[in-house]
Amino acid sequence: MKLLGVSGSLRAASFNTALLRAAQDLAPDGVTIEIFGLHDLPLFNQDVEDQGDPPAVTAWKAAIRGADALLLACPEYNGGVTGVLKNAIDWASRGSPSALGGKVACLIGASPGVTGTVRGQDALRQSLRKVSATYWPLSEMLVGQAHTKIEGGTLTDDKTRAYLGRHLAAFVEHLRAG
C-alpha cells in the first residue's frame, strides 16, 4: 500500500514535514509513504491552466493518482489551512476526473500552540469535501507544543511517536477494510 505524504509547509525546519518523516519510519508493514514537496507548484491561475498544466502540477496530480490514500500534514496559519496546501488542493481538484475524487485522506498536524492544528484541519476537511475527496473520520491527530516534541527535524517525543504509529496502523486497517 502506498500513501502520499504532503506537508502544508515549505519551511526547511517544518514540524509537519518532520511528522511525515516520522510517519515513514513508523508505517505499518507493507506500507510505504512517499513525501511529495509542494515547493514548485505555482499559484493556481486559470489562465495558466488554460495553456496546459505546468510540469509541477502534472507531477502533483500523477503522485495523487498513484497513491492509495493521502497523509496530509496540515500546519495552522492564522487559524486556518496554509495557502500552500489550499493551492495544492485547488490544482489537484481541476480536470475530469479530479485527481482527488474518491481519495481518502488522513489528517495530521503539528504546531507550537496548545491546540495543535485543530482549526487548520477543520478548514482542510471543508476543502476536501468540496473536491469529492474524503477523510478518515478518526483522522484528527493534533500535535500541540510541537517545539518540545520535534528537535532538529526529528520527532523525539516517545509518546507522540507511539501515538503516530498507532494512528497510522488504524488508518491502514480502515483502508484495508475498505
N, C-alpha and C. Protein backbone atom coordinates (compact mmCIF):
# COMPACT_ATOMS: atom_id res chain seq x y z
N MET A 1 0.86 -1.17 0.00
CA MET A 1 0.00 0.00 0.00
C MET A 1 0.90 1.23 0.00
N LYS A 2 0.51 2.21 -0.80
CA LYS A 2 1.29 3.44 -0.92
C LYS A 2 0.47 4.63 -0.46
N LEU A 3 1.01 5.36 0.52
CA LEU A 3 0.42 6.61 0.98
C LEU A 3 1.26 7.76 0.45
N LEU A 4 0.60 8.82 0.06
CA LEU A 4 1.29 10.03 -0.37
C LEU A 4 1.25 11.03 0.77
N GLY A 5 2.42 11.35 1.31
CA GLY A 5 2.52 12.31 2.40
C GLY A 5 2.77 13.70 1.85
N VAL A 6 2.01 14.66 2.35
CA VAL A 6 2.13 16.04 1.88
C VAL A 6 2.13 16.97 3.09
N SER A 7 3.15 17.82 3.13
CA SER A 7 3.22 18.83 4.19
C SER A 7 2.73 20.15 3.65
N GLY A 8 1.90 20.81 4.41
CA GLY A 8 1.39 22.12 4.03
C GLY A 8 2.34 23.25 4.37
N SER A 9 3.58 22.92 4.66
CA SER A 9 4.59 23.93 4.98
C SER A 9 5.78 23.78 4.04
N LEU A 10 6.33 24.91 3.65
CA LEU A 10 7.52 24.92 2.81
C LEU A 10 8.80 25.13 3.63
N ARG A 11 8.64 25.39 4.91
CA ARG A 11 9.76 25.72 5.78
C ARG A 11 10.71 24.52 5.92
N ALA A 12 12.01 24.77 5.79
CA ALA A 12 13.00 23.70 5.89
C ALA A 12 12.91 22.96 7.22
N ALA A 13 12.65 23.68 8.31
CA ALA A 13 12.56 23.06 9.64
C ALA A 13 11.11 22.83 10.05
N SER A 14 10.26 22.54 9.10
CA SER A 14 8.83 22.36 9.35
C SER A 14 8.54 21.22 10.32
N PHE A 15 7.73 21.52 11.33
CA PHE A 15 7.28 20.48 12.25
C PHE A 15 6.44 19.44 11.51
N ASN A 16 5.67 19.88 10.54
CA ASN A 16 4.78 18.97 9.82
C ASN A 16 5.52 18.05 8.88
N THR A 17 6.57 18.55 8.25
CA THR A 17 7.41 17.68 7.43
C THR A 17 8.13 16.67 8.32
N ALA A 18 8.55 17.10 9.50
CA ALA A 18 9.17 16.17 10.45
C ALA A 18 8.19 15.08 10.85
N LEU A 19 6.94 15.45 11.02
CA LEU A 19 5.90 14.47 11.36
C LEU A 19 5.76 13.43 10.24
N LEU A 20 5.83 13.88 9.00
CA LEU A 20 5.75 12.95 7.86
C LEU A 20 6.96 12.02 7.82
N ARG A 21 8.14 12.55 8.09
CA ARG A 21 9.34 11.69 8.11
C ARG A 21 9.22 10.64 9.22
N ALA A 22 8.68 11.04 10.36
CA ALA A 22 8.45 10.05 11.43
C ALA A 22 7.43 9.01 10.99
N ALA A 23 6.41 9.45 10.27
CA ALA A 23 5.40 8.51 9.75
C ALA A 23 6.03 7.49 8.82
N GLN A 24 6.99 7.91 8.01
CA GLN A 24 7.68 6.96 7.14
C GLN A 24 8.35 5.87 7.97
N ASP A 25 8.98 6.25 9.06
CA ASP A 25 9.67 5.29 9.94
C ASP A 25 8.69 4.38 10.66
N LEU A 26 7.49 4.89 10.94
CA LEU A 26 6.52 4.16 11.76
C LEU A 26 5.43 3.47 10.95
N ALA A 27 5.52 3.54 9.65
CA ALA A 27 4.47 2.95 8.79
C ALA A 27 4.34 1.45 9.05
N PRO A 28 3.11 0.95 9.04
CA PRO A 28 2.91 -0.49 9.22
C PRO A 28 3.60 -1.30 8.11
N ASP A 29 3.84 -2.56 8.38
CA ASP A 29 4.45 -3.44 7.39
C ASP A 29 3.63 -3.41 6.10
N GLY A 30 4.33 -3.38 4.99
CA GLY A 30 3.66 -3.38 3.69
C GLY A 30 3.16 -2.02 3.24
N VAL A 31 3.48 -0.98 4.00
CA VAL A 31 3.02 0.37 3.67
C VAL A 31 4.25 1.26 3.45
N THR A 32 4.23 1.97 2.33
CA THR A 32 5.27 2.97 2.08
C THR A 32 4.61 4.34 2.07
N ILE A 33 5.35 5.32 2.52
CA ILE A 33 4.88 6.70 2.50
C ILE A 33 5.88 7.52 1.69
N GLU A 34 5.43 8.02 0.56
CA GLU A 34 6.23 8.90 -0.28
C GLU A 34 5.87 10.33 0.08
N ILE A 35 6.86 11.15 0.37
CA ILE A 35 6.60 12.56 0.68
C ILE A 35 6.75 13.38 -0.60
N PHE A 36 5.71 14.12 -0.91
CA PHE A 36 5.70 14.97 -2.10
C PHE A 36 5.81 16.42 -1.66
N GLY A 37 6.82 17.11 -2.15
CA GLY A 37 7.02 18.51 -1.80
C GLY A 37 6.22 19.43 -2.71
N LEU A 38 5.69 20.48 -2.14
CA LEU A 38 4.85 21.43 -2.89
C LEU A 38 5.61 22.68 -3.31
N HIS A 39 6.92 22.68 -3.17
CA HIS A 39 7.74 23.87 -3.42
C HIS A 39 7.61 24.42 -4.83
N ASP A 40 7.41 23.58 -5.82
CA ASP A 40 7.43 24.01 -7.22
C ASP A 40 6.06 24.33 -7.79
N LEU A 41 4.98 24.11 -7.02
CA LEU A 41 3.64 24.38 -7.55
C LEU A 41 3.43 25.89 -7.68
N PRO A 42 3.02 26.34 -8.87
CA PRO A 42 2.70 27.76 -9.00
C PRO A 42 1.37 28.05 -8.33
N LEU A 43 1.10 29.32 -8.08
CA LEU A 43 -0.22 29.69 -7.59
C LEU A 43 -1.25 29.34 -8.66
N PHE A 44 -2.40 28.83 -8.21
CA PHE A 44 -3.42 28.47 -9.19
C PHE A 44 -3.85 29.72 -9.96
N ASN A 45 -3.92 29.56 -11.28
CA ASN A 45 -4.32 30.63 -12.17
C ASN A 45 -4.95 29.97 -13.38
N GLN A 46 -6.24 30.22 -13.59
CA GLN A 46 -6.92 29.56 -14.70
C GLN A 46 -6.31 29.92 -16.05
N ASP A 47 -5.73 31.11 -16.19
CA ASP A 47 -5.05 31.46 -17.44
C ASP A 47 -3.89 30.50 -17.70
N VAL A 48 -3.15 30.16 -16.66
CA VAL A 48 -2.06 29.19 -16.79
C VAL A 48 -2.63 27.81 -17.10
N GLU A 49 -3.67 27.42 -16.36
CA GLU A 49 -4.29 26.12 -16.58
C GLU A 49 -4.81 25.99 -18.01
N ASP A 50 -5.37 27.05 -18.56
CA ASP A 50 -5.91 27.01 -19.92
C ASP A 50 -4.83 26.73 -20.96
N GLN A 51 -3.58 27.01 -20.62
CA GLN A 51 -2.46 26.73 -21.53
C GLN A 51 -1.90 25.33 -21.31
N GLY A 52 -2.44 24.61 -20.36
CA GLY A 52 -1.98 23.26 -20.02
C GLY A 52 -1.27 23.27 -18.68
N ASP A 53 -1.46 22.21 -17.92
CA ASP A 53 -0.85 22.14 -16.60
C ASP A 53 0.67 22.26 -16.69
N PRO A 54 1.26 23.10 -15.85
CA PRO A 54 2.72 23.15 -15.78
C PRO A 54 3.26 21.79 -15.31
N PRO A 55 4.52 21.47 -15.61
CA PRO A 55 5.08 20.16 -15.21
C PRO A 55 4.93 19.84 -13.72
N ALA A 56 5.08 20.83 -12.84
CA ALA A 56 4.95 20.56 -11.40
C ALA A 56 3.52 20.14 -11.06
N VAL A 57 2.54 20.70 -11.73
CA VAL A 57 1.14 20.34 -11.49
C VAL A 57 0.86 18.94 -12.02
N THR A 58 1.39 18.63 -13.20
CA THR A 58 1.23 17.29 -13.77
C THR A 58 1.82 16.25 -12.82
N ALA A 59 3.01 16.53 -12.28
CA ALA A 59 3.65 15.60 -11.34
C ALA A 59 2.82 15.45 -10.07
N TRP A 60 2.26 16.54 -9.57
CA TRP A 60 1.43 16.54 -8.37
C TRP A 60 0.20 15.66 -8.59
N LYS A 61 -0.49 15.86 -9.68
CA LYS A 61 -1.70 15.07 -9.96
C LYS A 61 -1.35 13.59 -10.16
N ALA A 62 -0.24 13.31 -10.82
CA ALA A 62 0.17 11.91 -11.03
C ALA A 62 0.52 11.24 -9.70
N ALA A 63 1.16 11.97 -8.81
CA ALA A 63 1.50 11.41 -7.49
C ALA A 63 0.24 11.05 -6.71
N ILE A 64 -0.76 11.90 -6.79
CA ILE A 64 -2.03 11.62 -6.09
C ILE A 64 -2.68 10.38 -6.69
N ARG A 65 -2.76 10.35 -8.02
CA ARG A 65 -3.41 9.20 -8.69
C ARG A 65 -2.67 7.90 -8.41
N GLY A 66 -1.35 7.97 -8.21
CA GLY A 66 -0.56 6.78 -7.97
C GLY A 66 -0.57 6.29 -6.54
N ALA A 67 -1.22 7.02 -5.67
CA ALA A 67 -1.26 6.65 -4.25
C ALA A 67 -2.60 6.01 -3.90
N ASP A 68 -2.56 5.14 -2.92
CA ASP A 68 -3.79 4.52 -2.43
C ASP A 68 -4.58 5.48 -1.54
N ALA A 69 -3.87 6.35 -0.85
CA ALA A 69 -4.51 7.31 0.05
C ALA A 69 -3.51 8.42 0.35
N LEU A 70 -4.00 9.46 1.02
CA LEU A 70 -3.18 10.63 1.33
C LEU A 70 -2.96 10.77 2.83
N LEU A 71 -1.79 11.23 3.19
CA LEU A 71 -1.46 11.58 4.56
C LEU A 71 -1.09 13.07 4.53
N LEU A 72 -2.01 13.90 4.98
CA LEU A 72 -1.83 15.35 4.87
C LEU A 72 -1.42 15.93 6.21
N ALA A 73 -0.23 16.50 6.25
CA ALA A 73 0.29 17.15 7.45
C ALA A 73 -0.03 18.63 7.35
N CYS A 74 -1.00 19.05 8.12
CA CYS A 74 -1.60 20.38 7.98
C CYS A 74 -1.14 21.31 9.08
N PRO A 75 -0.29 22.28 8.75
CA PRO A 75 0.01 23.33 9.72
C PRO A 75 -1.21 24.23 9.90
N GLU A 76 -1.13 25.13 10.82
CA GLU A 76 -2.20 26.11 11.01
C GLU A 76 -1.60 27.50 11.00
N TYR A 77 -2.04 28.30 10.04
CA TYR A 77 -1.61 29.69 9.96
C TYR A 77 -2.83 30.56 10.17
N ASN A 78 -2.78 31.44 11.13
CA ASN A 78 -3.87 32.37 11.38
C ASN A 78 -5.22 31.68 11.51
N GLY A 79 -5.23 30.55 12.16
CA GLY A 79 -6.49 29.84 12.42
C GLY A 79 -7.05 29.08 11.24
N GLY A 80 -6.25 28.84 10.20
CA GLY A 80 -6.76 28.13 9.04
C GLY A 80 -5.69 27.31 8.36
N VAL A 81 -6.07 26.72 7.23
CA VAL A 81 -5.16 25.92 6.43
C VAL A 81 -4.18 26.86 5.72
N THR A 82 -2.99 26.40 5.48
CA THR A 82 -1.99 27.24 4.81
C THR A 82 -2.36 27.46 3.35
N GLY A 83 -1.92 28.58 2.81
CA GLY A 83 -2.12 28.86 1.40
C GLY A 83 -1.46 27.83 0.52
N VAL A 84 -0.32 27.30 0.95
CA VAL A 84 0.41 26.29 0.20
C VAL A 84 -0.45 25.04 0.00
N LEU A 85 -1.05 24.56 1.07
CA LEU A 85 -1.86 23.35 0.99
C LEU A 85 -3.16 23.60 0.25
N LYS A 86 -3.79 24.73 0.48
CA LYS A 86 -5.02 25.07 -0.22
C LYS A 86 -4.76 25.19 -1.72
N ASN A 87 -3.66 25.81 -2.10
CA ASN A 87 -3.29 25.94 -3.51
C ASN A 87 -3.11 24.56 -4.15
N ALA A 88 -2.46 23.65 -3.43
CA ALA A 88 -2.25 22.30 -3.95
C ALA A 88 -3.58 21.60 -4.17
N ILE A 89 -4.50 21.76 -3.24
CA ILE A 89 -5.83 21.15 -3.40
C ILE A 89 -6.56 21.77 -4.58
N ASP A 90 -6.44 23.08 -4.74
CA ASP A 90 -7.09 23.74 -5.87
C ASP A 90 -6.58 23.17 -7.20
N TRP A 91 -5.27 23.04 -7.36
CA TRP A 91 -4.73 22.47 -8.59
C TRP A 91 -5.21 21.03 -8.79
N ALA A 92 -5.14 20.22 -7.73
CA ALA A 92 -5.49 18.80 -7.86
C ALA A 92 -6.97 18.57 -8.10
N SER A 93 -7.79 19.56 -7.77
CA SER A 93 -9.24 19.40 -7.96
C SER A 93 -9.66 19.63 -9.40
N ARG A 94 -8.77 20.18 -10.19
CA ARG A 94 -9.10 20.56 -11.57
C ARG A 94 -8.94 19.37 -12.51
N GLY A 95 -9.73 19.37 -13.56
CA GLY A 95 -9.67 18.29 -14.55
C GLY A 95 -10.77 17.29 -14.31
N SER A 96 -10.99 16.48 -15.31
CA SER A 96 -12.05 15.49 -15.20
C SER A 96 -11.51 14.14 -15.66
N PRO A 97 -11.43 13.19 -14.76
CA PRO A 97 -11.82 13.29 -13.35
C PRO A 97 -10.74 13.98 -12.51
N SER A 98 -11.16 14.53 -11.42
CA SER A 98 -10.25 15.18 -10.48
C SER A 98 -9.32 14.13 -9.87
N ALA A 99 -8.06 14.49 -9.71
CA ALA A 99 -7.10 13.58 -9.07
C ALA A 99 -7.53 13.24 -7.64
N LEU A 100 -8.26 14.15 -7.01
CA LEU A 100 -8.67 13.96 -5.62
C LEU A 100 -9.98 13.20 -5.47
N GLY A 101 -10.71 13.04 -6.55
CA GLY A 101 -12.02 12.39 -6.48
C GLY A 101 -11.93 10.99 -5.88
N GLY A 102 -12.59 10.79 -4.78
CA GLY A 102 -12.64 9.48 -4.14
C GLY A 102 -11.41 9.14 -3.29
N LYS A 103 -10.41 9.99 -3.27
CA LYS A 103 -9.23 9.70 -2.44
C LYS A 103 -9.58 9.87 -0.96
N VAL A 104 -9.01 9.02 -0.14
CA VAL A 104 -9.21 9.10 1.30
C VAL A 104 -7.97 9.74 1.91
N ALA A 105 -8.17 10.67 2.81
CA ALA A 105 -7.05 11.36 3.45
C ALA A 105 -7.09 11.17 4.96
N CYS A 106 -5.90 11.05 5.51
CA CYS A 106 -5.70 11.07 6.96
C CYS A 106 -5.03 12.39 7.27
N LEU A 107 -5.57 13.13 8.22
CA LEU A 107 -5.04 14.45 8.55
C LEU A 107 -4.26 14.39 9.86
N ILE A 108 -3.09 14.97 9.81
CA ILE A 108 -2.26 15.11 11.00
C ILE A 108 -1.73 16.54 11.00
N GLY A 109 -1.24 17.00 12.12
CA GLY A 109 -0.69 18.35 12.14
C GLY A 109 0.02 18.66 13.44
N ALA A 110 1.06 19.48 13.32
CA ALA A 110 1.86 19.87 14.47
C ALA A 110 2.01 21.39 14.49
N SER A 111 1.94 21.94 15.69
CA SER A 111 2.05 23.38 15.87
C SER A 111 2.61 23.67 17.25
N PRO A 112 3.29 24.80 17.40
CA PRO A 112 3.75 25.18 18.74
C PRO A 112 2.60 25.49 19.71
N GLY A 113 1.42 25.79 19.20
CA GLY A 113 0.28 26.13 20.05
C GLY A 113 -0.23 24.93 20.83
N VAL A 114 -0.98 25.21 21.87
CA VAL A 114 -1.50 24.16 22.75
C VAL A 114 -2.51 23.26 22.04
N THR A 115 -3.33 23.82 21.15
CA THR A 115 -4.38 23.04 20.50
C THR A 115 -3.93 22.40 19.20
N GLY A 116 -2.65 22.44 18.91
CA GLY A 116 -2.16 21.84 17.68
C GLY A 116 -2.72 22.57 16.47
N THR A 117 -3.25 21.83 15.53
CA THR A 117 -3.74 22.42 14.28
C THR A 117 -5.24 22.17 14.09
N VAL A 118 -5.99 22.24 15.16
CA VAL A 118 -7.40 21.88 15.12
C VAL A 118 -8.18 22.75 14.13
N ARG A 119 -7.95 24.05 14.10
CA ARG A 119 -8.69 24.91 13.18
C ARG A 119 -8.22 24.73 11.74
N GLY A 120 -6.93 24.55 11.55
CA GLY A 120 -6.41 24.29 10.21
C GLY A 120 -6.97 23.00 9.63
N GLN A 121 -7.06 21.95 10.47
CA GLN A 121 -7.62 20.69 10.00
C GLN A 121 -9.11 20.82 9.70
N ASP A 122 -9.83 21.60 10.48
CA ASP A 122 -11.25 21.84 10.18
C ASP A 122 -11.41 22.48 8.81
N ALA A 123 -10.59 23.49 8.52
CA ALA A 123 -10.65 24.16 7.22
C ALA A 123 -10.26 23.21 6.10
N LEU A 124 -9.28 22.35 6.35
CA LEU A 124 -8.86 21.39 5.34
C LEU A 124 -9.97 20.38 5.04
N ARG A 125 -10.65 19.91 6.07
CA ARG A 125 -11.77 18.98 5.84
C ARG A 125 -12.85 19.62 4.96
N GLN A 126 -13.12 20.90 5.19
CA GLN A 126 -14.12 21.59 4.38
C GLN A 126 -13.69 21.61 2.91
N SER A 127 -12.43 21.91 2.65
CA SER A 127 -11.94 21.93 1.27
C SER A 127 -12.00 20.54 0.65
N LEU A 128 -11.64 19.52 1.40
CA LEU A 128 -11.67 18.15 0.87
C LEU A 128 -13.08 17.73 0.50
N ARG A 129 -14.05 18.10 1.32
CA ARG A 129 -15.46 17.76 1.00
C ARG A 129 -15.87 18.39 -0.33
N LYS A 130 -15.45 19.61 -0.58
CA LYS A 130 -15.84 20.33 -1.79
C LYS A 130 -15.25 19.72 -3.05
N VAL A 131 -14.14 18.98 -2.93
CA VAL A 131 -13.48 18.43 -4.12
C VAL A 131 -13.67 16.93 -4.25
N SER A 132 -14.66 16.39 -3.56
CA SER A 132 -15.04 14.97 -3.65
C SER A 132 -14.00 14.01 -3.11
N ALA A 133 -13.10 14.52 -2.26
CA ALA A 133 -12.21 13.63 -1.53
C ALA A 133 -12.89 13.34 -0.19
N THR A 134 -12.44 12.32 0.46
CA THR A 134 -13.00 12.02 1.78
C THR A 134 -11.85 12.02 2.79
N TYR A 135 -12.21 12.02 4.03
CA TYR A 135 -11.20 11.92 5.06
C TYR A 135 -11.66 10.89 6.06
N TRP A 136 -10.69 10.20 6.59
CA TRP A 136 -10.96 9.19 7.60
C TRP A 136 -11.58 9.87 8.80
N PRO A 137 -12.76 9.42 9.22
CA PRO A 137 -13.47 10.11 10.31
C PRO A 137 -12.66 10.23 11.61
N LEU A 138 -11.73 9.33 11.84
CA LEU A 138 -10.93 9.37 13.06
C LEU A 138 -9.55 9.98 12.80
N SER A 139 -9.44 10.75 11.72
CA SER A 139 -8.11 11.15 11.26
C SER A 139 -7.48 12.30 12.02
N GLU A 140 -8.14 12.91 12.92
CA GLU A 140 -7.58 14.08 13.57
C GLU A 140 -6.46 13.70 14.54
N MET A 141 -5.24 14.00 14.14
CA MET A 141 -4.10 13.84 15.05
C MET A 141 -3.50 15.22 15.23
N LEU A 142 -3.55 15.71 16.44
CA LEU A 142 -3.09 17.06 16.76
C LEU A 142 -1.86 16.99 17.66
N VAL A 143 -0.77 17.55 17.20
CA VAL A 143 0.44 17.59 18.00
C VAL A 143 0.65 19.04 18.43
N GLY A 144 0.25 19.32 19.66
CA GLY A 144 0.45 20.64 20.23
C GLY A 144 1.83 20.76 20.86
N GLN A 145 2.27 21.99 21.05
CA GLN A 145 3.58 22.29 21.62
C GLN A 145 4.69 21.49 20.92
N ALA A 146 4.59 21.50 19.58
CA ALA A 146 5.49 20.71 18.75
C ALA A 146 6.96 21.03 18.98
N HIS A 147 7.25 22.26 19.35
CA HIS A 147 8.64 22.66 19.58
C HIS A 147 9.29 21.90 20.74
N THR A 148 8.47 21.27 21.59
CA THR A 148 9.01 20.47 22.69
C THR A 148 9.08 18.99 22.33
N LYS A 149 8.56 18.62 21.15
CA LYS A 149 8.50 17.21 20.74
C LYS A 149 9.29 16.92 19.48
N ILE A 150 9.61 17.96 18.75
CA ILE A 150 10.36 17.82 17.50
C ILE A 150 11.61 18.67 17.62
N GLU A 151 12.75 18.01 17.50
CA GLU A 151 14.03 18.70 17.66
C GLU A 151 14.92 18.38 16.48
N GLY A 152 15.45 19.43 15.85
CA GLY A 152 16.35 19.23 14.72
C GLY A 152 15.71 18.47 13.57
N GLY A 153 14.41 18.64 13.38
CA GLY A 153 13.71 17.97 12.29
C GLY A 153 13.32 16.53 12.57
N THR A 154 13.45 16.12 13.84
CA THR A 154 13.13 14.74 14.21
C THR A 154 12.11 14.73 15.34
N LEU A 155 11.09 13.89 15.18
CA LEU A 155 10.11 13.70 16.25
C LEU A 155 10.78 12.86 17.34
N THR A 156 11.07 13.50 18.47
CA THR A 156 11.82 12.85 19.54
C THR A 156 10.95 12.39 20.71
N ASP A 157 9.73 12.87 20.79
CA ASP A 157 8.86 12.53 21.92
C ASP A 157 8.31 11.11 21.76
N ASP A 158 8.66 10.24 22.69
CA ASP A 158 8.28 8.83 22.59
C ASP A 158 6.77 8.61 22.59
N LYS A 159 6.05 9.36 23.42
CA LYS A 159 4.59 9.20 23.46
C LYS A 159 3.95 9.60 22.13
N THR A 160 4.44 10.68 21.54
CA THR A 160 3.88 11.13 20.26
C THR A 160 4.26 10.15 19.15
N ARG A 161 5.46 9.62 19.17
CA ARG A 161 5.86 8.62 18.17
C ARG A 161 4.96 7.38 18.28
N ALA A 162 4.72 6.93 19.51
CA ALA A 162 3.88 5.75 19.70
C ALA A 162 2.46 6.03 19.21
N TYR A 163 1.94 7.21 19.52
CA TYR A 163 0.59 7.56 19.08
C TYR A 163 0.52 7.64 17.56
N LEU A 164 1.53 8.23 16.93
CA LEU A 164 1.55 8.31 15.48
C LEU A 164 1.56 6.91 14.86
N GLY A 165 2.34 6.02 15.42
CA GLY A 165 2.37 4.64 14.93
C GLY A 165 1.02 3.96 15.03
N ARG A 166 0.35 4.12 16.16
CA ARG A 166 -1.00 3.53 16.34
C ARG A 166 -2.00 4.18 15.39
N HIS A 167 -1.87 5.49 15.21
CA HIS A 167 -2.77 6.24 14.34
C HIS A 167 -2.64 5.75 12.89
N LEU A 168 -1.42 5.58 12.42
CA LEU A 168 -1.19 5.09 11.07
C LEU A 168 -1.71 3.66 10.90
N ALA A 169 -1.47 2.82 11.90
CA ALA A 169 -1.95 1.43 11.83
C ALA A 169 -3.47 1.40 11.73
N ALA A 170 -4.15 2.23 12.50
CA ALA A 170 -5.62 2.27 12.44
C ALA A 170 -6.11 2.79 11.09
N PHE A 171 -5.42 3.78 10.53
CA PHE A 171 -5.80 4.31 9.21
C PHE A 171 -5.64 3.23 8.15
N VAL A 172 -4.53 2.54 8.17
CA VAL A 172 -4.29 1.48 7.19
C VAL A 172 -5.31 0.36 7.36
N GLU A 173 -5.64 0.02 8.58
CA GLU A 173 -6.68 -1.00 8.83
C GLU A 173 -8.01 -0.55 8.23
N HIS A 174 -8.35 0.72 8.41
CA HIS A 174 -9.57 1.29 7.82
C HIS A 174 -9.54 1.17 6.30
N LEU A 175 -8.41 1.48 5.69
CA LEU A 175 -8.30 1.40 4.23
C LEU A 175 -8.43 -0.04 3.74
N ARG A 176 -7.79 -0.95 4.43
CA ARG A 176 -7.84 -2.37 4.02
C ARG A 176 -9.23 -2.95 4.20
N ALA A 177 -9.98 -2.46 5.19
CA ALA A 177 -11.36 -2.95 5.40
C ALA A 177 -12.28 -2.44 4.31
N GLY A 178 -11.85 -1.33 3.70
CA GLY A 178 -12.49 -0.75 2.56
C GLY A 178 -13.86 -0.37 2.60
